N, C-alpha and C. Protein backbone atom coordinates (compact mmCIF):
# COMPACT_ATOMS: atom_id res chain seq x y z
N MET A 1 228.85 -80.47 212.80
CA MET A 1 227.79 -79.71 212.15
C MET A 1 228.37 -79.03 210.91
N ALA A 2 227.63 -78.98 209.86
CA ALA A 2 228.11 -78.42 208.60
C ALA A 2 228.25 -76.90 208.69
N HIS A 3 229.23 -76.40 208.02
CA HIS A 3 229.48 -74.97 207.94
C HIS A 3 228.53 -74.37 206.91
N SER A 4 228.19 -73.10 207.07
CA SER A 4 227.24 -72.47 206.15
C SER A 4 227.75 -72.48 204.70
N TYR A 5 229.07 -72.53 204.51
CA TYR A 5 229.63 -72.62 203.16
C TYR A 5 229.16 -73.90 202.47
N HIS A 6 229.11 -75.00 203.21
CA HIS A 6 228.67 -76.26 202.63
C HIS A 6 227.18 -76.24 202.29
N HIS A 7 226.40 -75.55 203.10
CA HIS A 7 224.98 -75.39 202.78
C HIS A 7 224.83 -74.54 201.51
N ALA A 8 225.67 -73.51 201.37
CA ALA A 8 225.62 -72.67 200.18
C ALA A 8 226.00 -73.47 198.93
N LEU A 9 227.00 -74.34 199.04
CA LEU A 9 227.37 -75.20 197.92
C LEU A 9 226.21 -76.09 197.49
N SER A 10 225.50 -76.61 198.47
CA SER A 10 224.34 -77.44 198.17
C SER A 10 223.27 -76.63 197.44
N SER A 11 223.06 -75.39 197.85
CA SER A 11 222.08 -74.53 197.18
C SER A 11 222.49 -74.23 195.75
N VAL A 12 223.79 -74.04 195.52
CA VAL A 12 224.29 -73.79 194.17
C VAL A 12 224.00 -74.99 193.28
N ARG A 13 224.22 -76.19 193.80
CA ARG A 13 223.95 -77.39 193.01
C ARG A 13 222.46 -77.51 192.69
N GLN A 14 221.62 -77.12 193.64
CA GLN A 14 220.18 -77.27 193.44
C GLN A 14 219.58 -76.15 192.60
N TRP A 15 220.00 -74.91 192.85
CA TRP A 15 219.34 -73.76 192.25
C TRP A 15 220.18 -73.01 191.21
N GLY A 16 221.49 -73.32 191.15
CA GLY A 16 222.37 -72.57 190.25
C GLY A 16 222.89 -71.32 190.94
N GLY A 17 223.68 -70.55 190.24
CA GLY A 17 224.26 -69.35 190.81
C GLY A 17 225.65 -69.63 191.37
N THR A 18 226.07 -68.80 192.31
CA THR A 18 227.39 -68.96 192.92
C THR A 18 227.24 -69.07 194.43
N VAL A 19 228.30 -69.52 195.06
CA VAL A 19 228.31 -69.63 196.52
C VAL A 19 228.08 -68.26 197.15
N GLU A 20 228.66 -67.22 196.54
CA GLU A 20 228.51 -65.87 197.08
C GLU A 20 227.06 -65.39 197.08
N ASP A 21 226.24 -65.95 196.19
CA ASP A 21 224.82 -65.60 196.16
C ASP A 21 224.09 -66.13 197.39
N PHE A 22 224.47 -67.30 197.85
CA PHE A 22 223.75 -67.98 198.92
C PHE A 22 224.40 -67.85 200.29
N LEU A 23 225.68 -67.51 200.33
CA LEU A 23 226.40 -67.49 201.61
C LEU A 23 225.80 -66.52 202.63
N PRO A 24 225.42 -65.29 202.27
CA PRO A 24 224.80 -64.41 203.27
C PRO A 24 223.53 -65.01 203.88
N LEU A 25 222.73 -65.65 203.06
CA LEU A 25 221.49 -66.28 203.56
C LEU A 25 221.81 -67.40 204.55
N HIS A 26 222.73 -68.27 204.19
CA HIS A 26 223.07 -69.39 205.06
C HIS A 26 223.81 -68.92 206.31
N ASN A 27 224.60 -67.85 206.20
CA ASN A 27 225.23 -67.28 207.40
C ASN A 27 224.16 -66.77 208.36
N PHE A 28 223.12 -66.16 207.81
CA PHE A 28 222.02 -65.66 208.64
C PHE A 28 221.34 -66.81 209.38
N PHE A 29 221.04 -67.89 208.68
CA PHE A 29 220.38 -69.02 209.33
C PHE A 29 221.29 -69.69 210.35
N ASP A 30 222.60 -69.69 210.10
CA ASP A 30 223.52 -70.36 211.01
C ASP A 30 223.88 -69.51 212.23
N GLU A 31 223.50 -68.23 212.26
CA GLU A 31 223.75 -67.41 213.44
C GLU A 31 223.09 -68.00 214.68
N SER A 32 222.00 -68.71 214.50
CA SER A 32 221.29 -69.28 215.64
C SER A 32 222.05 -70.44 216.29
N LYS A 33 223.17 -70.87 215.69
CA LYS A 33 224.01 -71.90 216.32
C LYS A 33 224.55 -71.42 217.67
N LEU A 34 224.66 -70.11 217.84
CA LEU A 34 225.16 -69.56 219.10
C LEU A 34 224.21 -69.86 220.25
N ILE A 35 222.94 -70.03 219.95
CA ILE A 35 221.94 -70.30 220.97
C ILE A 35 221.67 -71.79 221.12
N SER A 36 221.54 -72.47 220.01
CA SER A 36 221.21 -73.89 220.01
C SER A 36 222.20 -74.63 219.13
N ALA A 37 222.96 -75.53 219.71
CA ALA A 37 224.07 -76.17 218.98
C ALA A 37 223.66 -77.44 218.23
N ASP A 38 222.39 -77.74 218.11
CA ASP A 38 222.02 -78.92 217.34
C ASP A 38 221.38 -78.50 216.01
N PHE A 39 221.07 -79.48 215.18
CA PHE A 39 220.61 -79.19 213.82
C PHE A 39 219.28 -78.45 213.77
N ARG A 40 218.52 -78.47 214.85
CA ARG A 40 217.19 -77.85 214.82
C ARG A 40 217.23 -76.33 214.78
N HIS A 41 218.40 -75.73 215.06
CA HIS A 41 218.48 -74.28 215.05
C HIS A 41 218.08 -73.71 213.69
N ARG A 42 218.45 -74.39 212.61
CA ARG A 42 218.11 -73.89 211.27
C ARG A 42 216.61 -74.00 211.01
N ALA A 43 216.02 -75.08 211.43
CA ALA A 43 214.58 -75.27 211.22
C ALA A 43 213.78 -74.22 211.98
N LEU A 44 214.18 -73.93 213.20
CA LEU A 44 213.47 -72.95 214.01
C LEU A 44 213.56 -71.57 213.37
N ARG A 45 214.74 -71.18 212.95
CA ARG A 45 214.90 -69.86 212.35
C ARG A 45 214.13 -69.77 211.04
N LEU A 46 214.17 -70.81 210.25
CA LEU A 46 213.44 -70.82 208.98
C LEU A 46 211.94 -70.69 209.23
N LEU A 47 211.43 -71.40 210.22
CA LEU A 47 210.01 -71.34 210.55
C LEU A 47 209.60 -69.95 210.99
N ILE A 48 210.41 -69.32 211.82
CA ILE A 48 210.09 -67.99 212.33
C ILE A 48 210.02 -66.96 211.20
N PHE A 49 210.97 -67.02 210.26
CA PHE A 49 211.05 -66.00 209.23
C PHE A 49 210.26 -66.31 207.97
N THR A 50 209.63 -67.46 207.89
CA THR A 50 208.80 -67.75 206.72
C THR A 50 207.32 -67.83 207.06
N GLU A 51 207.00 -67.60 208.30
CA GLU A 51 205.60 -67.63 208.74
C GLU A 51 204.85 -66.45 208.12
N ASN A 52 203.67 -66.69 207.59
CA ASN A 52 202.87 -65.62 206.98
C ASN A 52 201.97 -64.98 207.99
């Protein structure tokens, strides 16, 4: 599974900025790895926190 640093690098390539700008966000989304060890943990957390 990819480390949150690699996700932050991807965000930098897509949106600009620095890794330090995105790392706290990706660390937050990756905290759910402690509960669910597959790739869906990020999707679930994103869905919960972006629901209007």
